[in-house]
Amino acid sequence: KANDIEVALTHSKPQYSEEYHSFVNGQHTTQGGTHQSAFREGLVKTIRDHFGKNYDASDIRKSVISAVSIKVMEPVFESQTKTKLGSTEMGEGMPTVRTYIVEFLSTQLDNFLHKNPDVVQQMEFKIKQSEKERKELSGIRKLARERAKKNNGCYS
């Protein structure tokens, strides 16, 4: 049912890490769990499918800020403080948490993207920018390692 899930998603310009806020039956799951993992997976899959490109997951999720809230019939938490969802099932007769969230994003987020080409353009720019920065950093790290090896060889 559509009222068993709520999602909010945005990108932050100054932030380089991803940030997630997840909830199960109104309980803030500060350590995430199966629903947050499924959300991260579904986000990447939906974006890759929408663009028809195999963008790196880290480039897609870079600077994402999101909230996901689901309702689960009998949630099982991994800790007594209920900060991490361990359940893989939504409830009797329903799909798994993973399937439910991935399919929801595949439908709803993809529909949103088709209706909002300006958002798609901004998102693709952000993904490509992240990809460019990641590759540049990788090249710098490689160069630094090579120089460190050469310098270490001079002193032995």
Foldseek 3Di string as FASTA:
>chain_A
DVVQKDKDKDFDVVAFAAAEWEEEPNHTQQVEEPLVVLLLVLQQVLLCVLVVHNFDSSLLRTRMYMYMYGYADDWDAPDPSRNYTHFQPRDPPDHGSNVVNSVCCNPPVSVVCVVCVVVVVVSVVSSVVSVVVVVVVVVVVVVVVVVVVVVVVVPD
